[in-house]
Protein backbone atom coordinates (compact mmCIF):
# COMPACT_ATOMS: atom_id res chain seq x y z
CA MET A 1 98.71 77.55 83.38
CA LYS A 2 101.03 76.48 86.18
CA ILE A 3 103.68 79.00 87.18
CA SER A 4 106.50 78.24 89.60
CA ILE A 5 108.39 81.06 91.31
CA ALA A 6 111.85 79.91 92.35
CA SER A 7 115.36 81.11 93.13
CA GLY A 8 118.80 79.72 93.76
CA LYS A 9 118.83 80.98 97.35
CA GLY A 10 116.51 82.05 100.12
CA GLY A 11 115.53 85.62 100.89
CA THR A 12 115.33 86.88 97.32
CA GLY A 13 111.60 87.64 97.35
CA LYS A 14 109.78 84.50 96.18
CA THR A 15 106.99 84.88 98.71
CA THR A 16 106.69 88.62 98.06
CA LEU A 17 106.28 87.99 94.35
CA SER A 18 104.03 84.94 94.74
CA THR A 19 101.53 86.55 97.10
CA ASN A 20 101.34 89.87 95.27
CA LEU A 21 101.07 88.28 91.83
CA ALA A 22 98.34 85.90 92.99
CA ALA A 23 96.35 88.61 94.76
CA TYR A 24 96.70 90.96 91.76
CA ILE A 25 95.37 88.36 89.32
CA ALA A 26 92.61 87.37 91.77
CA GLU A 27 91.13 90.86 91.59
CA THR A 28 89.55 89.90 88.26
CA ARG A 29 89.82 86.12 87.81
CA PRO A 30 90.26 82.90 89.84
CA VAL A 31 93.80 81.87 90.78
CA VAL A 32 95.43 79.29 93.05
CA LEU A 33 98.45 80.04 95.21
CA ALA A 34 100.30 76.97 96.55
CA ASP A 35 103.04 77.49 99.14
CA LEU A 36 105.41 74.60 98.45
CA ASP A 37 108.18 75.80 100.74
CA VAL A 38 106.89 73.21 103.19
CA GLU A 39 109.81 73.51 105.61
CA GLU A 40 109.20 77.22 106.17
CA PRO A 41 105.88 78.27 104.59
CA ASN A 42 105.07 81.94 105.13
CA ALA A 43 102.77 82.99 102.28
CA GLY A 44 99.88 82.62 104.74
CA LEU A 45 101.12 85.67 106.62
CA PHE A 46 99.97 87.82 103.68
CA ILE A 47 96.75 86.01 102.73
CA PRO A 48 93.99 86.45 105.37
CA GLY A 49 91.85 83.63 104.02
CA ILE A 50 89.13 81.47 105.53
CA LYS A 51 90.19 77.86 106.20
CA ILE A 52 87.86 75.35 104.57
CA HIS A 53 89.92 72.16 104.80
CA GLU A 54 92.81 70.63 106.71
CA ASP A 55 94.17 67.10 106.75
CA VAL A 56 97.23 65.13 107.82
CA LYS A 57 99.60 63.84 105.15
CA TYR A 58 101.53 60.56 105.33
CA LYS A 59 104.23 58.67 103.51
CA MET A 60 104.56 54.90 103.33
CA ILE A 61 107.55 53.16 104.92
CA PRO A 62 108.33 49.45 105.43
CA GLU A 63 107.80 47.76 108.80
CA TRP A 64 109.96 44.68 109.46
CA LYS A 65 108.18 41.48 110.57
CA GLN A 66 110.84 39.46 112.36
CA ASP A 67 108.72 36.35 112.78
CA VAL A 68 108.45 35.72 109.01
CA CYS A 69 111.77 37.17 107.79
CA THR A 70 114.33 34.69 106.43
CA LEU A 71 117.19 37.24 106.38
CA CYS A 72 117.76 36.66 102.67
CA GLY A 73 119.08 40.22 102.23
CA LYS A 74 116.98 40.98 99.14
CA CYS A 75 115.52 44.15 100.69
CA ARG A 76 118.94 45.59 101.40
CA GLU A 77 120.12 44.81 97.88
CA VAL A 78 117.23 46.54 96.11
CA CYS A 79 117.15 49.71 98.26
CA ASN A 80 118.88 52.50 96.35
CA PHE A 81 118.69 54.89 99.28
CA ASN A 82 120.38 52.85 102.02
CA ALA A 83 117.21 52.97 104.06
CA ILE A 84 117.52 49.28 104.99
CA THR A 85 120.47 47.47 106.50
CA GLN A 86 121.07 44.09 108.07
CA ILE A 87 122.98 43.72 111.33
CA LEU A 88 123.46 40.08 112.34
CA ASP A 89 119.95 38.65 112.66
CA ARG A 90 118.06 41.96 112.47
CA ILE A 91 116.79 44.16 109.64
CA MET A 92 116.89 47.86 110.46
CA VAL A 93 114.71 50.41 108.61
CA PHE A 94 115.63 54.12 108.57
CA PRO A 95 112.39 56.04 107.80
CA GLN A 96 114.23 59.33 107.19
CA LEU A 97 116.05 57.77 104.22
CA CYS A 98 113.10 55.87 102.77
CA HIS A 99 111.68 57.23 99.50
CA SER A 100 108.52 55.08 99.58
CA CYS A 101 109.40 53.27 96.36
CA PHE A 102 107.88 49.97 97.66
CA ALA A 103 110.76 47.96 96.13
CA CYS A 104 111.73 46.22 99.38
CA SER A 105 108.13 45.40 100.23
CA GLU A 106 107.11 44.19 96.78
CA LEU A 107 110.25 42.10 96.21
CA CYS A 108 110.42 40.46 99.62
CA PRO A 109 109.76 36.74 98.96
CA VAL A 110 108.00 36.20 102.32
CA ASN A 111 106.19 39.57 102.71
CA ALA A 112 108.26 40.49 105.75
CA LEU A 113 108.22 44.22 104.97
CA PRO A 114 104.62 45.44 104.66
CA MET A 115 104.26 49.18 104.16
CA LYS A 116 102.71 51.37 106.84
CA ALA A 117 101.68 55.03 106.89
CA GLU A 118 103.79 57.53 108.81
CA ARG A 119 102.75 61.14 109.32
CA ILE A 120 104.93 63.78 107.62
CA GLY A 121 102.90 66.99 107.89
CA ILE A 122 99.61 68.79 107.33
CA LEU A 123 97.86 70.48 104.40
CA ARG A 124 95.57 73.49 104.73
CA HIS A 125 93.17 74.97 102.19
CA PHE A 126 91.94 78.60 102.40
CA THR A 127 89.75 80.86 100.29
CA TYR A 128 90.14 84.63 99.92
CA GLY A 129 87.71 86.00 97.35
CA ARG A 130 88.76 84.64 93.95
CA LEU A 131 92.06 83.47 95.46
CA THR A 132 92.45 79.88 96.60
CA PHE A 133 95.41 79.43 98.94
CA ILE A 134 96.90 76.03 99.77
CA GLU A 135 99.86 75.43 102.05
CA SER A 136 101.55 72.40 103.56
CA ILE A 137 103.75 72.29 106.66
CA LEU A 138 106.36 69.59 107.18
CA ASP A 139 106.48 68.13 110.69
CA VAL A 140 109.49 69.11 112.80
CA GLY A 141 112.24 66.49 112.45
CA GLU A 142 111.12 65.18 109.07
CA GLU A 143 114.03 64.86 106.64
CA GLN A 144 112.27 64.84 103.27
CA ALA A 145 110.14 67.62 101.84
CA VAL A 146 109.56 66.04 98.42
CA PRO A 147 106.77 63.60 99.42
CA LEU A 148 104.75 66.42 100.99
CA ILE A 149 105.32 68.73 98.02
CA ALA A 150 104.19 65.98 95.64
CA GLN A 151 101.04 65.34 97.67
CA THR A 152 100.28 69.07 97.81
CA LEU A 153 100.56 69.40 94.03
CA ARG A 154 98.35 66.34 93.63
CA TYR A 155 95.74 67.93 95.91
CA VAL A 156 95.89 71.18 93.91
CA GLY A 157 95.36 69.28 90.67
CA GLU A 158 92.46 67.24 92.01
CA THR A 159 90.74 70.11 93.82
CA CYS A 160 91.25 73.13 91.62
CA GLY A 161 91.05 71.72 88.11
CA LYS A 162 93.35 71.92 85.10
CA ASP A 163 92.00 75.20 83.69
CA THR A 164 92.93 77.27 86.74
CA ILE A 165 95.96 79.55 86.89
CA THR A 166 98.21 78.08 89.59
CA ILE A 167 101.13 79.93 91.16
CA CYS A 168 103.60 77.81 93.12
CA ASP A 169 105.92 79.37 95.69
CA ALA A 170 108.85 76.94 95.38
CA PRO A 171 111.45 76.09 98.03
CA PRO A 172 114.78 77.92 97.75
CA GLY A 173 117.87 76.38 96.20
CA THR A 174 118.24 73.86 93.39
CA SER A 175 117.94 70.53 95.21
CA CYS A 176 115.17 67.92 95.05
CA PRO A 177 112.39 70.01 96.71
CA MET A 178 112.84 72.85 94.21
CA ILE A 179 112.91 70.42 91.29
CA GLU A 180 109.71 68.74 92.49
CA ALA A 181 108.02 72.15 92.64
CA VAL A 182 109.00 73.25 89.12
CA LYS A 183 109.21 70.04 87.05
CA ASP A 184 105.60 70.24 85.83
CA ALA A 185 105.40 74.03 85.53
CA ASP A 186 104.51 75.70 82.24
CA ARG A 187 106.61 78.76 83.11
CA VAL A 188 109.24 79.40 85.79
CA LEU A 189 109.98 82.83 87.22
CA LEU A 190 113.44 83.08 88.77
CA ILE A 191 113.75 85.95 91.21
CA THR A 192 117.12 87.23 92.36
CA GLU A 193 118.88 90.30 93.73
CA PRO A 194 121.67 92.43 92.17
CA THR A 195 124.53 91.12 94.30
CA PRO A 196 127.41 88.72 93.61
CA VAL A 197 125.75 86.07 95.78
CA GLY A 198 122.42 86.61 94.01
CA LEU A 199 124.12 86.23 90.63
CA TYR A 200 125.97 83.07 91.61
CA ASP A 201 122.85 81.35 92.89
CA LEU A 202 120.88 82.56 89.87
CA THR A 203 123.34 80.75 87.59
CA LEU A 204 122.66 77.52 89.48
CA ALA A 205 118.90 78.00 89.14
CA VAL A 206 119.24 78.75 85.43
CA GLU A 207 121.26 75.56 84.89
CA THR A 208 118.55 73.60 86.71
CA VAL A 209 115.55 74.92 84.76
CA ARG A 210 117.45 74.57 81.49
CA GLU A 211 118.15 70.95 82.35
CA LEU A 212 114.40 70.56 82.94
CA LYS A 213 113.74 72.29 79.60
CA LYS A 214 111.50 74.93 81.13
CA ASP A 215 110.50 78.28 79.67
CA PHE A 216 111.69 80.87 82.18
CA GLY A 217 112.52 84.49 82.85
CA VAL A 218 114.21 86.53 85.56
CA ILE A 219 112.84 89.15 87.95
CA LEU A 220 115.35 91.43 89.63
CA ASN A 221 114.32 92.32 93.19
CA ARG A 222 115.78 95.12 95.33
CA TYR A 223 116.86 96.92 92.17
CA GLY A 224 119.12 99.84 93.01
CA ILE A 225 121.56 98.12 95.33
CA GLY A 226 124.59 96.03 94.42
CA ASP A 227 125.89 95.98 90.85
CA ASP A 228 124.82 95.22 87.29
CA GLY A 229 126.16 91.66 87.23
CA VAL A 230 122.71 90.05 86.92
CA GLU A 231 121.72 92.33 84.03
CA ASN A 232 124.95 91.60 82.19
CA TYR A 233 124.54 87.86 82.76
CA CYS A 234 120.97 87.83 81.44
CA ARG A 235 122.05 89.82 78.40
CA LYS A 236 124.96 87.47 77.71
CA GLU A 237 122.85 84.32 78.17
CA HIS A 238 119.86 85.72 76.23
CA ILE A 239 117.58 85.33 79.27
CA PRO A 240 114.48 87.55 79.46
CA LEU A 241 114.86 90.07 82.28
CA ILE A 242 111.16 90.56 82.78
CA ALA A 243 110.89 93.17 85.52
CA LYS A 244 112.74 95.08 88.22
CA ILE A 245 111.30 95.61 91.70
CA PRO A 246 112.84 98.69 93.32
CA ASN A 247 114.69 98.64 96.62
CA GLN A 248 112.65 100.89 98.93
CA ARG A 249 112.38 101.20 102.68
CA HIS A 250 108.61 101.54 102.31
CA ILE A 251 108.47 98.05 100.76
CA ALA A 252 110.42 96.54 103.64
CA GLU A 253 108.15 98.24 106.19
CA ARG A 254 104.96 97.01 104.57
CA TYR A 255 106.38 93.51 104.11
CA SER A 256 107.30 93.32 107.81
CA GLN A 257 103.68 94.18 108.61
CA GLY A 258 102.37 91.32 106.49
CA MET A 259 100.84 93.59 103.87
CA LEU A 260 100.56 93.21 100.11
CA LEU A 261 102.61 95.76 98.19
CA TYR A 262 101.14 96.32 94.74
CA ARG A 263 98.27 98.46 96.04
CA GLU A 264 100.67 100.96 97.63
CA VAL A 265 103.91 100.80 95.62
CA PRO A 266 103.61 101.78 91.94
CA GLY A 267 106.92 100.10 91.10
CA VAL A 268 105.60 96.73 92.30
CA LYS A 269 102.39 97.04 90.29
CA GLU A 270 104.38 97.97 87.18
CA ALA A 271 106.57 94.90 87.68
CA LEU A 272 103.51 92.67 88.02
CA ASP A 273 102.03 94.06 84.80
CA ARG A 274 105.26 93.25 82.96
CA ILE A 275 105.22 89.72 84.39
CA LEU A 276 101.63 89.17 83.23
CA VAL A 277 102.61 90.23 79.71
CA PHE A 278 105.49 87.72 79.76
CA LEU A 279 103.14 84.99 80.98
CA GLY A 280 100.44 85.88 78.48
CA ILE A 281 97.84 86.28 81.24
CA SER A 282 95.07 88.84 81.00
CA ARG A 283 93.44 90.32 84.09
CA GLN A 284 90.22 90.93 82.17
CA GLU A 285 87.17 89.04 83.37
CA SER A 286 85.57 86.56 81.02
CA GLY A 287 81.86 86.83 80.38
CA LYS A 288 81.20 83.87 82.65
CA GLU A 289 83.20 85.41 85.49
CA LYS A 290 81.49 88.77 85.05
CA GLY A 291 78.15 87.05 85.42
CA LYS A 292 79.25 85.61 88.75
CA ALA A 293 80.47 88.94 90.09
């Protein structure tokens, strides 16, 4: 099962939920946690794993060969992202806009735009008991997070296998990075807070996952502040409100220290148990896993 944890805005508790849910499941069975918020990954602050792998990730962009180019303009015509333009007798390539679709390179009649690799970030792989933690970090100045997210998910699939429970900490918002992180998920958990801003951004996230035809539910974080707008909205829209995580100073203190919460805060553990029921995941060890213990 692949589970994506997302929200319509930042700061709602995606990383808190992702790390605690993954660590809780990993007490009895293998699980993978992938931090896909590649622009600001921070799940690693809560997972003290051992690094076993690291590599640089690249995307492919066209490189103009002036000596063979005939200035036919075909490359500019076929680029849907305005990454190529022609100024007088020069072809200019804008790597930040390129989506690595290869159209300009493949359709150039004289092969004047061969593709070359350009670094976009790094991927790191850690182990922590039964928990496998994978994160990617986008290089400073890079415009596009989607290529790195896609490569990270590909690495997870190739390395961890299809039978593993995978939890993805998605980027905030409802733009392309979030969609890339949730489009192949079996279930999506939308976490929000009981405030007008939290409700507004939740509605955007709900519209997005419905458009993607995903099975989803809502977790209400910092329960006890704000109003009941989120609860009323979920009731009206027939959206499962799976669990409520209480608003407590103790939670904020432990979070700021980089600590997991479910071992110390009963309300968090209760919320995680409700989420596991919604997901249909058992924490019981299989016979094979017991034999390995």
